[in-house]
Amino acid sequence: MKKTVNTVWFLNLACGFLFTAFLPFTVTSVALDFHWPFSNFMCKLNTTMTFLNMFASVYILVVISVDRCVSVVWPIWAQNHRNVRMVSCVILGVWVLALIFSAPYFIFRDTEHDH
């Protein structure tokens, strides 16, 4: 597939579905009446991936909406200035921002130990 502005947007939006790899851990926890049988690291990673997906998906949808708005309001400017390199930089910024906002879940998340 040819690399265009739209394919970069939607490929990165589709990358959000990678969080489904962590769904079996959440399902297991719910099936065990919210007991987390996995390690503390997996608890942190599972939560971080869930929130990373949420933040990145929302931000990418916002950026796609802004891109569509710019393309409609200023079509000549958009034709001359929208390119794959600029979009790749914006996407990188979105993922970094989403990672920054999801990092506290990895740092502060903890499991309770039953006594």
PDB file of N, CA and C in Angstrom:
ATOM      1  N   MET A   1       0.842  -1.168   0.000  1.00  0.00           N
ATOM      2  CA  MET A   1       0.000   0.000   0.000  1.00  0.00           C
ATOM      3  C   MET A   1       0.896   1.243   0.000  1.00  0.00           C
ATOM      4  N   LYS A   2       0.502   2.216  -0.782  1.00  0.00           N
ATOM      5  CA  LYS A   2       1.285   3.441  -0.882  1.00  0.00           C
ATOM      6  C   LYS A   2       1.187   4.232   0.423  1.00  0.00           C
ATOM      7  N   LYS A   3       2.307   4.787   0.846  1.00  0.00           N
ATOM      8  CA  LYS A   3       2.348   5.555   2.087  1.00  0.00           C
ATOM      9  C   LYS A   3       1.845   6.967   1.808  1.00  0.00           C
ATOM     10  N   THR A   4       0.660   7.267   2.335  1.00  0.00           N
ATOM     11  CA  THR A   4       0.070   8.589   2.180  1.00  0.00           C
ATOM     12  C   THR A   4      -0.253   9.132   3.570  1.00  0.00           C
ATOM     13  N   VAL A   5      -0.702  10.376   3.605  1.00  0.00           N
ATOM     14  CA  VAL A   5      -1.065  10.998   4.875  1.00  0.00           C
ATOM     15  C   VAL A   5      -2.178  10.199   5.557  1.00  0.00           C
ATOM     16  N   ASN A   6      -3.199   9.847   4.798  1.00  0.00           N
ATOM     17  CA  ASN A   6      -4.332   9.123   5.382  1.00  0.00           C
ATOM     18  C   ASN A   6      -3.959   7.721   5.849  1.00  0.00           C
ATOM     19  N   THR A   7      -3.091   7.031   5.109  1.00  0.00           N
ATOM     20  CA  THR A   7      -2.703   5.688   5.545  1.00  0.00           C
ATOM     21  C   THR A   7      -1.888   5.749   6.842  1.00  0.00           C
ATOM     22  N   VAL A   8      -1.091   6.802   6.999  1.00  0.00           N
ATOM     23  CA  VAL A   8      -0.331   6.948   8.251  1.00  0.00           C
ATOM     24  C   VAL A   8      -1.276   7.178   9.417  1.00  0.00           C
ATOM     25  N   TRP A   9      -2.282   8.044   9.228  1.00  0.00           N
ATOM     26  CA  TRP A   9      -3.263   8.288  10.300  1.00  0.00           C
ATOM     27  C   TRP A   9      -3.939   6.992  10.713  1.00  0.00           C
ATOM     28  N   PHE A  10      -4.494   6.292   9.726  1.00  0.00           N
ATOM     29  CA  PHE A  10      -5.321   5.138  10.047  1.00  0.00           C
ATOM     30  C   PHE A  10      -4.507   3.917  10.473  1.00  0.00           C
ATOM     31  N   LEU A  11      -3.285   3.794  10.006  1.00  0.00           N
ATOM     32  CA  LEU A  11      -2.424   2.706  10.480  1.00  0.00           C
ATOM     33  C   LEU A  11      -2.115   2.883  11.962  1.00  0.00           C
ATOM     34  N   ASN A  12      -1.835   4.109  12.365  1.00  0.00           N
ATOM     35  CA  ASN A  12      -1.552   4.367  13.777  1.00  0.00           C
ATOM     36  C   ASN A  12      -2.802   4.224  14.624  1.00  0.00           C
ATOM     37  N   LEU A  13      -3.955   4.557  14.074  1.00  0.00           N
ATOM     38  CA  LEU A  13      -5.200   4.333  14.788  1.00  0.00           C
ATOM     39  C   LEU A  13      -5.453   2.841  14.959  1.00  0.00           C
ATOM     40  N   ALA A  14      -5.126   2.053  13.954  1.00  0.00           N
ATOM     41  CA  ALA A  14      -5.292   0.605  14.037  1.00  0.00           C
ATOM     42  C   ALA A  14      -4.308  -0.030  15.021  1.00  0.00           C
ATOM     43  N   CYS A  15      -3.163   0.595  15.228  1.00  0.00           N
ATOM     44  CA  CYS A  15      -2.184   0.071  16.195  1.00  0.00           C
ATOM     45  C   CYS A  15      -2.760   0.025  17.610  1.00  0.00           C
ATOM     46  N   GLY A  16      -3.776   0.815  17.861  1.00  0.00           N
ATOM     47  CA  GLY A  16      -4.422   0.794  19.166  1.00  0.00           C
ATOM     48  C   GLY A  16      -5.040  -0.544  19.504  1.00  0.00           C
ATOM     49  N   PHE A  17      -5.316  -1.351  18.498  1.00  0.00           N
ATOM     50  CA  PHE A  17      -5.904  -2.656  18.761  1.00  0.00           C
ATOM     51  C   PHE A  17      -4.898  -3.653  19.337  1.00  0.00           C
ATOM     52  N   LEU A  18      -3.639  -3.253  19.449  1.00  0.00           N
ATOM     53  CA  LEU A  18      -2.647  -4.128  20.072  1.00  0.00           C
ATOM     54  C   LEU A  18      -2.937  -4.360  21.555  1.00  0.00           C
ATOM     55  N   PHE A  19      -3.722  -3.454  22.151  1.00  0.00           N
ATOM     56  CA  PHE A  19      -4.046  -3.624  23.561  1.00  0.00           C
ATOM     57  C   PHE A  19      -4.893  -4.876  23.781  1.00  0.00           C
ATOM     58  N   THR A  20      -5.512  -5.386  22.740  1.00  0.00           N
ATOM     59  CA  THR A  20      -6.329  -6.603  22.903  1.00  0.00           C
ATOM     60  C   THR A  20      -5.474  -7.793  23.330  1.00  0.00           C
ATOM     61  N   ALA A  21      -4.169  -7.715  23.122  1.00  0.00           N
ATOM     62  CA  ALA A  21      -3.276  -8.786  23.586  1.00  0.00           C
ATOM     63  C   ALA A  21      -3.281  -8.873  25.114  1.00  0.00           C
ATOM     64  N   PHE A  22      -3.654  -7.776  25.782  1.00  0.00           N
ATOM     65  CA  PHE A  22      -3.666  -7.754  27.244  1.00  0.00           C
ATOM     66  C   PHE A  22      -5.041  -8.053  27.829  1.00  0.00           C
ATOM     67  N   LEU A  23      -6.056  -8.216  26.985  1.00  0.00           N
ATOM     68  CA  LEU A  23      -7.396  -8.502  27.486  1.00  0.00           C
ATOM     69  C   LEU A  23      -7.512  -9.833  28.235  1.00  0.00           C
ATOM     70  N   PRO A  24      -6.803 -10.888  27.841  1.00  0.00           N
ATOM     71  CA  PRO A  24      -6.919 -12.136  28.622  1.00  0.00           C
ATOM     72  C   PRO A  24      -6.534 -11.974  30.098  1.00  0.00           C
ATOM     73  N   PHE A  25      -5.602 -11.086  30.387  1.00  0.00           N
ATOM     74  CA  PHE A  25      -5.226 -10.855  31.786  1.00  0.00           C
ATOM     75  C   PHE A  25      -6.377 -10.217  32.554  1.00  0.00           C
ATOM     76  N   THR A  26      -7.040  -9.253  31.939  1.00  0.00           N
ATOM     77  CA  THR A  26      -8.165  -8.589  32.587  1.00  0.00           C
ATOM     78  C   THR A  26      -9.335  -9.551  32.748  1.00  0.00           C
ATOM     79  N   VAL A  27      -9.597 -10.349  31.735  1.00  0.00           N
ATOM     80  CA  VAL A  27     -10.695 -11.320  31.800  1.00  0.00           C
ATOM     81  C   VAL A  27     -10.435 -12.345  32.904  1.00  0.00           C
ATOM     82  N   THR A  28      -9.205 -12.797  33.017  1.00  0.00           N
ATOM     83  CA  THR A  28      -8.845 -13.741  34.081  1.00  0.00           C
ATOM     84  C   THR A  28      -9.065 -13.124  35.453  1.00  0.00           C
ATOM     85  N   SER A  29      -8.666 -11.874  35.600  1.00  0.00           N
ATOM     86  CA  SER A  29      -8.853 -11.188  36.874  1.00  0.00           C
ATOM     87  C   SER A  29     -10.332 -11.064  37.224  1.00  0.00           C
ATOM     88  N   VAL A  30     -11.151 -10.721  36.267  1.00  0.00           N
ATOM     89  CA  VAL A  30     -12.595 -10.594  36.512  1.00  0.00           C
ATOM     90  C   VAL A  30     -13.196 -11.956  36.834  1.00  0.00           C
ATOM     91  N   ALA A  31     -12.755 -12.999  36.122  1.00  0.00           N
ATOM     92  CA  ALA A  31     -13.273 -14.350  36.369  1.00  0.00           C
ATOM     93  C   ALA A  31     -12.891 -14.854  37.763  1.00  0.00           C
ATOM     94  N   LEU A  32     -11.779 -14.372  38.301  1.00  0.00           N
ATOM     95  CA  LEU A  32     -11.333 -14.774  39.632  1.00  0.00           C
ATOM     96  C   LEU A  32     -11.814 -13.795  40.703  1.00  0.00           C
ATOM     97  N   ASP A  33     -12.932 -13.124  40.431  1.00  0.00           N
ATOM     98  CA  ASP A  33     -13.538 -12.179  41.364  1.00  0.00           C
ATOM     99  C   ASP A  33     -12.566 -11.051  41.717  1.00  0.00           C
ATOM    100  N   PHE A  34     -11.937 -10.519  40.678  1.00  0.00           N
ATOM    101  CA  PHE A  34     -11.007  -9.385  40.765  1.00  0.00           C
ATOM    102  C   PHE A  34      -9.769  -9.673  41.613  1.00  0.00           C
ATOM    103  N   HIS A  35      -9.368 -10.923  41.660  1.00  0.00           N
ATOM    104  CA  HIS A  35      -8.078 -11.299  42.264  1.00  0.00           C
ATOM    105  C   HIS A  35      -7.058 -11.312  41.129  1.00  0.00           C
ATOM    106  N   TRP A  36      -5.939 -10.662  41.327  1.00  0.00           N
ATOM    107  CA  TRP A  36      -4.902 -10.586  40.294  1.00  0.00           C
ATOM    108  C   TRP A  36      -3.858 -11.663  40.559  1.00  0.00           C
ATOM    109  N   PRO A  37      -3.882 -12.764  39.783  1.00  0.00           N
ATOM    110  CA  PRO A  37      -2.956 -13.873  40.039  1.00  0.00           C
ATOM    111  C   PRO A  37      -1.578 -13.683  39.410  1.00  0.00           C
ATOM    112  N   PHE A  38      -1.421 -12.635  38.635  1.00  0.00           N
ATOM    113  CA  PHE A  38      -0.158 -12.405  37.937  1.00  0.00           C
ATOM    114  C   PHE A  38       0.748 -11.506  38.770  1.00  0.00           C
ATOM    115  N   SER A  39       1.904 -11.221  38.268  1.00  0.00           N
ATOM    116  CA  SER A  39       2.878 -10.435  39.025  1.00  0.00           C
ATOM    117  C   SER A  39       2.464  -8.956  39.100  1.00  0.00           C
ATOM    118  N   ASN A  40       3.126  -8.254  40.002  1.00  0.00           N
ATOM    119  CA  ASN A  40       2.904  -6.821  40.149  1.00  0.00           C
ATOM    120  C   ASN A  40       3.290  -6.079  38.869  1.00  0.00           C
ATOM    121  N   PHE A  41       4.357  -6.541  38.215  1.00  0.00           N
ATOM    122  CA  PHE A  41       4.788  -5.932  36.954  1.00  0.00           C
ATOM    123  C   PHE A  41       3.706  -6.057  35.886  1.00  0.00           C
ATOM    124  N   MET A  42       3.072  -7.229  35.806  1.00  0.00           N
ATOM    125  CA  MET A  42       2.010  -7.423  34.814  1.00  0.00           C
ATOM    126  C   MET A  42       0.797  -6.561  35.119  1.00  0.00           C
ATOM    127  N   CYS A  43       0.531  -6.329  36.384  1.00  0.00           N
ATOM    128  CA  CYS A  43      -0.554  -5.434  36.771  1.00  0.00           C
ATOM    129  C   CYS A  43      -0.275  -4.027  36.252  1.00  0.00           C
ATOM    130  N   LYS A  44       0.938  -3.574  36.477  1.00  0.00           N
ATOM    131  CA  LYS A  44       1.328  -2.238  36.015  1.00  0.00           C
ATOM    132  C   LYS A  44       1.303  -2.157  34.493  1.00  0.00           C
ATOM    133  N   LEU A  45       1.842  -3.172  33.839  1.00  0.00           N
ATOM    134  CA  LEU A  45       1.911  -3.166  32.376  1.00  0.00           C
ATOM    135  C   LEU A  45       0.522  -3.235  31.751  1.00  0.00           C
ATOM    136  N   ASN A  46      -0.347  -4.069  32.296  1.00  0.00           N
ATOM    137  CA  ASN A  46      -1.714  -4.205  31.788  1.00  0.00           C
ATOM    138  C   ASN A  46      -2.459  -2.874  31.874  1.00  0.00           C
ATOM    139  N   THR A  47      -2.386  -2.228  33.021  1.00  0.00           N
ATOM    140  CA  THR A  47      -3.065  -0.949  33.204  1.00  0.00           C
ATOM    141  C   THR A  47      -2.459   0.126  32.314  1.00  0.00           C
ATOM    142  N   THR A  48      -1.149   0.162  32.224  1.00  0.00           N
ATOM    143  CA  THR A  48      -0.478   1.158  31.388  1.00  0.00           C
ATOM    144  C   THR A  48      -0.860   0.990  29.927  1.00  0.00           C
ATOM    145  N   MET A  49      -0.891  -0.243  29.438  1.00  0.00           N
ATOM    146  CA  MET A  49      -1.256  -0.476  28.043  1.00  0.00           C
ATOM    147  C   MET A  49      -2.700  -0.083  27.768  1.00  0.00           C
ATOM    148  N   THR A  50      -3.580  -0.322  28.721  1.00  0.00           N
ATOM    149  CA  THR A  50      -4.980   0.057  28.549  1.00  0.00           C
ATOM    150  C   THR A  50      -5.112   1.572  28.422  1.00  0.00           C
ATOM    151  N   PHE A  51      -4.461   2.303  29.309  1.00  0.00           N
ATOM    152  CA  PHE A  51      -4.563   3.757  29.270  1.00  0.00           C
ATOM    153  C   PHE A  51      -3.759   4.357  28.117  1.00  0.00           C
ATOM    154  N   LEU A  52      -2.639   3.737  27.763  1.00  0.00           N
ATOM    155  CA  LEU A  52      -1.883   4.183  26.596  1.00  0.00           C
ATOM    156  C   LEU A  52      -2.753   4.090  25.349  1.00  0.00           C
ATOM    157  N   ASN A  53      -3.456   2.984  25.206  1.00  0.00           N
ATOM    158  CA  ASN A  53      -4.364   2.804  24.078  1.00  0.00           C
ATOM    159  C   ASN A  53      -5.455   3.861  24.080  1.00  0.00           C
ATOM    160  N   MET A  54      -6.028   4.115  25.247  1.00  0.00           N
ATOM    161  CA  MET A  54      -7.100   5.098  25.344  1.00  0.00           C
ATOM    162  C   MET A  54      -6.603   6.487  24.939  1.00  0.00           C
ATOM    163  N   PHE A  55      -5.507   6.932  25.542  1.00  0.00           N
ATOM    164  CA  PHE A  55      -4.981   8.255  25.244  1.00  0.00           C
ATOM    165  C   PHE A  55      -4.585   8.378  23.770  1.00  0.00           C
ATOM    166  N   ALA A  56      -3.838   7.402  23.267  1.00  0.00           N
ATOM    167  CA  ALA A  56      -3.367   7.479  21.880  1.00  0.00           C
ATOM    168  C   ALA A  56      -4.533   7.470  20.896  1.00  0.00           C
ATOM    169  N   SER A  57      -5.519   6.638  21.124  1.00  0.00           N
ATOM    170  CA  SER A  57      -6.661   6.572  20.209  1.00  0.00           C
ATOM    171  C   SER A  57      -7.427   7.888  20.172  1.00  0.00           C
ATOM    172  N   VAL A  58      -7.672   8.451  21.332  1.00  0.00           N
ATOM    173  CA  VAL A  58      -8.406   9.719  21.381  1.00  0.00           C
ATOM    174  C   VAL A  58      -7.599  10.828  20.717  1.00  0.00           C
ATOM    175  N   TYR A  59      -6.316  10.906  21.005  1.00  0.00           N
ATOM    176  CA  TYR A  59      -5.493  11.968  20.426  1.00  0.00           C
ATOM    177  C   TYR A  59      -5.359  11.808  18.908  1.00  0.00           C
ATOM    178  N   ILE A  60      -5.239  10.584  18.441  1.00  0.00           N
ATOM    179  CA  ILE A  60      -5.139  10.367  16.996  1.00  0.00           C
ATOM    180  C   ILE A  60      -6.450  10.751  16.317  1.00  0.00           C
ATOM    181  N   LEU A  61      -7.574  10.431  16.942  1.00  0.00           N
ATOM    182  CA  LEU A  61      -8.858  10.850  16.376  1.00  0.00           C
ATOM    183  C   LEU A  61      -8.985  12.375  16.338  1.00  0.00           C
ATOM    184  N   VAL A  62      -8.484  13.042  17.362  1.00  0.00           N
ATOM    185  CA  VAL A  62      -8.502  14.507  17.376  1.00  0.00           C
ATOM    186  C   VAL A  62      -7.628  15.052  16.251  1.00  0.00           C
ATOM    187  N   VAL A  63      -6.444  14.499  16.082  1.00  0.00           N
ATOM    188  CA  VAL A  63      -5.532  14.974  15.043  1.00  0.00           C
ATOM    189  C   VAL A  63      -6.120  14.720  13.652  1.00  0.00           C
ATOM    190  N   ILE A  64      -6.765  13.575  13.453  1.00  0.00           N
ATOM    191  CA  ILE A  64      -7.415  13.291  12.176  1.00  0.00           C
ATOM    192  C   ILE A  64      -8.524  14.320  11.916  1.00  0.00           C
ATOM    193  N   SER A  65      -9.284  14.640  12.950  1.00  0.00           N
ATOM    194  CA  SER A  65     -10.361  15.624  12.799  1.00  0.00           C
ATOM    195  C   SER A  65      -9.812  17.005  12.450  1.00  0.00           C
ATOM    196  N   VAL A  66      -8.736  17.393  13.112  1.00  0.00           N
ATOM    197  CA  VAL A  66      -8.112  18.691  12.808  1.00  0.00           C
ATOM    198  C   VAL A  66      -7.565  18.685  11.379  1.00  0.00           C
ATOM    199  N   ASP A  67      -6.966  17.586  10.981  1.00  0.00           N
ATOM    200  CA  ASP A  67      -6.440  17.465   9.620  1.00  0.00           C
ATOM    201  C   ASP A  67      -7.566  17.587   8.595  1.00  0.00           C
ATOM    202  N   ARG A  68      -8.683  16.948   8.835  1.00  0.00           N
ATOM    203  CA  ARG A  68      -9.839  17.047   7.929  1.00  0.00           C
ATOM    204  C   ARG A  68     -10.365  18.478   7.882  1.00  0.00           C
ATOM    205  N   CYS A  69     -10.431  19.122   9.033  1.00  0.00           N
ATOM    206  CA  CYS A  69     -10.907  20.508   9.091  1.00  0.00           C
ATOM    207  C   CYS A  69      -9.985  21.429   8.299  1.00  0.00           C
ATOM    208  N   VAL A  70      -8.689  21.277   8.483  1.00  0.00           N
ATOM    209  CA  VAL A  70      -7.720  22.095   7.754  1.00  0.00           C
ATOM    210  C   VAL A  70      -7.828  21.831   6.252  1.00  0.00           C
ATOM    211  N   SER A  71      -8.029  20.585   5.877  1.00  0.00           N
ATOM    212  CA  SER A  71      -8.146  20.241   4.454  1.00  0.00           C
ATOM    213  C   SER A  71      -9.371  20.869   3.811  1.00  0.00           C
ATOM    214  N   VAL A  72     -10.427  21.060   4.588  1.00  0.00           N
ATOM    215  CA  VAL A  72     -11.651  21.658   4.054  1.00  0.00           C
ATOM    216  C   VAL A  72     -11.587  23.180   4.082  1.00  0.00           C
ATOM    217  N   VAL A  73     -11.090  23.735   5.178  1.00  0.00           N
ATOM    218  CA  VAL A  73     -11.080  25.195   5.328  1.00  0.00           C
ATOM    219  C   VAL A  73      -9.985  25.838   4.473  1.00  0.00           C
ATOM    220  N   TRP A  74      -8.803  25.246   4.418  1.00  0.00           N
ATOM    221  CA  TRP A  74      -7.694  25.782   3.639  1.00  0.00           C
ATOM    222  C   TRP A  74      -7.165  24.718   2.677  1.00  0.00           C
ATOM    223  N   PRO A  75      -7.913  24.394   1.627  1.00  0.00           N
ATOM    224  CA  PRO A  75      -7.518  23.279   0.750  1.00  0.00           C
ATOM    225  C   PRO A  75      -6.195  23.507   0.006  1.00  0.00           C
ATOM    226  N   ILE A  76      -5.924  24.721  -0.415  1.00  0.00           N
ATOM    227  CA  ILE A  76      -4.676  24.984  -1.152  1.00  0.00           C
ATOM    228  C   ILE A  76      -3.479  24.829  -0.221  1.00  0.00           C
ATOM    229  N   TRP A  77      -3.574  25.408   0.972  1.00  0.00           N
ATOM    230  CA  TRP A  77      -2.491  25.281   1.944  1.00  0.00           C
ATOM    231  C   TRP A  77      -2.256  23.808   2.294  1.00  0.00           C
ATOM    232  N   ALA A  78      -3.364  23.082   2.519  1.00  0.00           N
ATOM    233  CA  ALA A  78      -3.246  21.666   2.883  1.00  0.00           C
ATOM    234  C   ALA A  78      -2.604  20.872   1.753  1.00  0.00           C
ATOM    235  N   GLN A  79      -2.957  21.185   0.518  1.00  0.00           N
ATOM    236  CA  GLN A  79      -2.378  20.484  -0.632  1.00  0.00           C
ATOM    237  C   GLN A  79      -0.866  20.693  -0.694  1.00  0.00           C
ATOM    238  N   ASN A  80      -0.422  21.885  -0.339  1.00  0.00           N
ATOM    239  CA  ASN A  80       0.997  22.221  -0.447  1.00  0.00           C
ATOM    240  C   ASN A  80       1.830  21.830   0.776  1.00  0.00           C
ATOM    241  N   HIS A  81       1.216  21.709   1.946  1.00  0.00           N
ATOM    242  CA  HIS A  81       1.988  21.520   3.172  1.00  0.00           C
ATOM    243  C   HIS A  81       1.791  20.172   3.873  1.00  0.00           C
ATOM    244  N   ARG A  82       0.721  19.461   3.579  1.00  0.00           N
ATOM    245  CA  ARG A  82       0.526  18.148   4.221  1.00  0.00           C
ATOM    246  C   ARG A  82       1.412  17.121   3.519  1.00  0.00           C
ATOM    247  N   ASN A  83       2.266  16.464   4.288  1.00  0.00           N
ATOM    248  CA  ASN A  83       3.096  15.408   3.719  1.00  0.00           C
ATOM    249  C   ASN A  83       3.321  14.326   4.765  1.00  0.00           C
ATOM    250  N   VAL A  84       3.824  13.207   4.322  1.00  0.00           N
ATOM    251  CA  VAL A  84       3.995  12.044   5.195  1.00  0.00           C
ATOM    252  C   VAL A  84       5.003  12.331   6.301  1.00  0.00           C
ATOM    253  N   ARG A  85       6.025  13.093   6.005  1.00  0.00           N
ATOM    254  CA  ARG A  85       7.046  13.398   7.028  1.00  0.00           C
ATOM    255  C   ARG A  85       6.448  14.215   8.173  1.00  0.00           C
ATOM    256  N   MET A  86       5.649  15.235   7.839  1.00  0.00           N
ATOM    257  CA  MET A  86       5.033  16.057   8.869  1.00  0.00           C
ATOM    258  C   MET A  86       4.044  15.224   9.697  1.00  0.00           C
ATOM    259  N   VAL A  87       3.268  14.406   9.026  1.00  0.00           N
ATOM    260  CA  VAL A  87       2.296  13.554   9.721  1.00  0.00           C
ATOM    261  C   VAL A  87       3.008  12.565  10.638  1.00  0.00           C
ATOM    262  N   SER A  88       4.124  12.031  10.190  1.00  0.00           N
ATOM    263  CA  SER A  88       4.886  11.097  11.022  1.00  0.00           C
ATOM    264  C   SER A  88       5.408  11.781  12.280  1.00  0.00           C
ATOM    265  N   CYS A  89       5.823  13.029  12.164  1.00  0.00           N
ATOM    266  CA  CYS A  89       6.272  13.791  13.337  1.00  0.00           C
ATOM    267  C   CYS A  89       5.110  14.049  14.294  1.00  0.00           C
ATOM    268  N   VAL A  90       3.946  14.372  13.753  1.00  0.00           N
ATOM    269  CA  VAL A  90       2.769  14.595  14.595  1.00  0.00           C
ATOM    270  C   VAL A  90       2.382  13.306  15.304  1.00  0.00           C
ATOM    271  N   ILE A  91       2.392  12.194  14.590  1.00  0.00           N
ATOM    272  CA  ILE A  91       2.042  10.898  15.185  1.00  0.00           C
ATOM    273  C   ILE A  91       3.030  10.529  16.279  1.00  0.00           C
ATOM    274  N   LEU A  92       4.310  10.769  16.041  1.00  0.00           N
ATOM    275  CA  LEU A  92       5.319  10.507  17.070  1.00  0.00           C
ATOM    276  C   LEU A  92       5.031  11.332  18.314  1.00  0.00           C
ATOM    277  N   GLY A  93       4.690  12.594  18.121  1.00  0.00           N
ATOM    278  CA  GLY A  93       4.341  13.455  19.249  1.00  0.00           C
ATOM    279  C   GLY A  93       3.111  12.960  19.998  1.00  0.00           C
ATOM    280  N   VAL A  94       2.131  12.471  19.259  1.00  0.00           N
ATOM    281  CA  VAL A  94       0.911  11.931  19.884  1.00  0.00           C
ATOM    282  C   VAL A  94       1.246  10.721  20.743  1.00  0.00           C
ATOM    283  N   TRP A  95       2.059   9.789  20.209  1.00  0.00           N
ATOM    284  CA  TRP A  95       2.411   8.594  20.982  1.00  0.00           C
ATOM    285  C   TRP A  95       3.254   8.946  22.205  1.00  0.00           C
ATOM    286  N   VAL A  96       4.155   9.906  22.066  1.00  0.00           N
ATOM    287  CA  VAL A  96       4.971  10.331  23.213  1.00  0.00           C
ATOM    288  C   VAL A  96       4.084  10.969  24.277  1.00  0.00           C
ATOM    289  N   LEU A  97       3.158  11.830  23.860  1.00  0.00           N
ATOM    290  CA  LEU A  97       2.241  12.459  24.798  1.00  0.00           C
ATOM    291  C   LEU A  97       1.370  11.420  25.502  1.00  0.00           C
ATOM    292  N   ALA A  98       0.875  10.446  24.752  1.00  0.00           N
ATOM    293  CA  ALA A  98       0.066   9.380  25.345  1.00  0.00           C
ATOM    294  C   ALA A  98       0.892   8.548  26.328  1.00  0.00           C
ATOM    295  N   LEU A  99       2.150   8.301  25.999  1.00  0.00           N
ATOM    296  CA  LEU A  99       3.029   7.550  26.898  1.00  0.00           C
ATOM    297  C   LEU A  99       3.313   8.333  28.173  1.00  0.00           C
ATOM    298  N   ILE A 100       3.501   9.636  28.046  1.00  0.00           N
ATOM    299  CA  ILE A 100       3.735  10.475  29.231  1.00  0.00           C
ATOM    300  C   ILE A 100       2.522  10.445  30.154  1.00  0.00           C
ATOM    301  N   PHE A 101       1.318  10.560  29.562  1.00  0.00           N
ATOM    302  CA  PHE A 101       0.106  10.572  30.384  1.00  0.00           C
ATOM    303  C   PHE A 101      -0.232   9.202  30.974  1.00  0.00           C
ATOM    304  N   SER A 102       0.250   8.126  30.362  1.00  0.00           N
ATOM    305  CA  SER A 102      -0.026   6.799  30.907  1.00  0.00           C
ATOM    306  C   SER A 102       1.089   6.302  31.826  1.00  0.00           C
ATOM    307  N   ALA A 103       2.217   6.987  31.865  1.00  0.00           N
ATOM    308  CA  ALA A 103       3.336   6.569  32.719  1.00  0.00           C
ATOM    309  C   ALA A 103       2.993   6.537  34.209  1.00  0.00           C
ATOM    310  N   PRO A 104       2.192   7.469  34.748  1.00  0.00           N
ATOM    311  CA  PRO A 104       1.862   7.379  36.172  1.00  0.00           C
ATOM    312  C   PRO A 104       1.156   6.074  36.560  1.00  0.00           C
ATOM    313  N   TYR A 105       0.426   5.487  35.630  1.00  0.00           N
ATOM    314  CA  TYR A 105      -0.229   4.211  35.924  1.00  0.00           C
ATOM    315  C   TYR A 105       0.803   3.110  36.120  1.00  0.00           C
ATOM    316  N   PHE A 106       1.917   3.186  35.389  1.00  0.00           N
ATOM    317  CA  PHE A 106       2.971   2.198  35.569  1.00  0.00           C
ATOM    318  C   PHE A 106       3.749   2.457  36.862  1.00  0.00           C
ATOM    319  N   ILE A 107       3.935   3.712  37.190  1.00  0.00           N
ATOM    320  CA  ILE A 107       4.750   4.066  38.354  1.00  0.00           C
ATOM    321  C   ILE A 107       4.005   3.807  39.664  1.00  0.00           C
ATOM    322  N   PHE A 108       2.749   4.213  39.726  1.00  0.00           N
ATOM    323  CA  PHE A 108       2.032   4.204  41.002  1.00  0.00           C
ATOM    324  C   PHE A 108       1.072   3.026  41.183  1.00  0.00           C
ATOM    325  N   ARG A 109       0.792   2.261  40.166  1.00  0.00           N
ATOM    326  CA  ARG A 109      -0.141   1.138  40.271  1.00  0.00           C
ATOM    327  C   ARG A 109       0.497   0.044  41.130  1.00  0.00           C
ATOM    328  N   ASP A 110      -0.295  -0.586  41.980  1.00  0.00           N
ATOM    329  CA  ASP A 110       0.234  -1.646  42.839  1.00  0.00           C
ATOM    330  C   ASP A 110      -0.894  -2.636  43.117  1.00  0.00           C
ATOM    331  N   THR A 111      -0.523  -3.827  43.521  1.00  0.00           N
ATOM    332  CA  THR A 111      -1.504  -4.832  43.889  1.00  0.00           C
ATOM    333  C   THR A 111      -1.567  -4.951  45.410  1.00  0.00           C
ATOM    334  N   GLU A 112      -2.749  -5.315  45.903  1.00  0.00           N
ATOM    335  CA  GLU A 112      -2.903  -5.548  47.318  1.00  0.00           C
ATOM    336  C   GLU A 112      -2.595  -7.008  47.616  1.00  0.00           C
ATOM    337  N   HIS A 113      -1.943  -7.239  48.714  1.00  0.00           N
ATOM    338  CA  HIS A 113      -1.630  -8.597  49.101  1.00  0.00           C
ATOM    339  C   HIS A 113      -2.614  -9.029  50.173  1.00  0.00           C
ATOM    340  N   ASP A 114      -3.271 -10.165  49.933  1.00  0.00           N
ATOM    341  CA  ASP A 114      -4.216 -10.681  50.916  1.00  0.00           C
ATOM    342  C   ASP A 114      -3.460 -11.347  52.052  1.00  0.00           C
ATOM    343  N   HIS A 115      -3.885 -11.057  53.292  1.00  0.00           N
ATOM    344  CA  HIS A 115      -3.240 -11.655  54.458  1.00  0.00           C
ATOM    345  C   HIS A 115      -4.217 -12.565  55.163  1.00  0.00           C
TER     346      HIS A 115
END
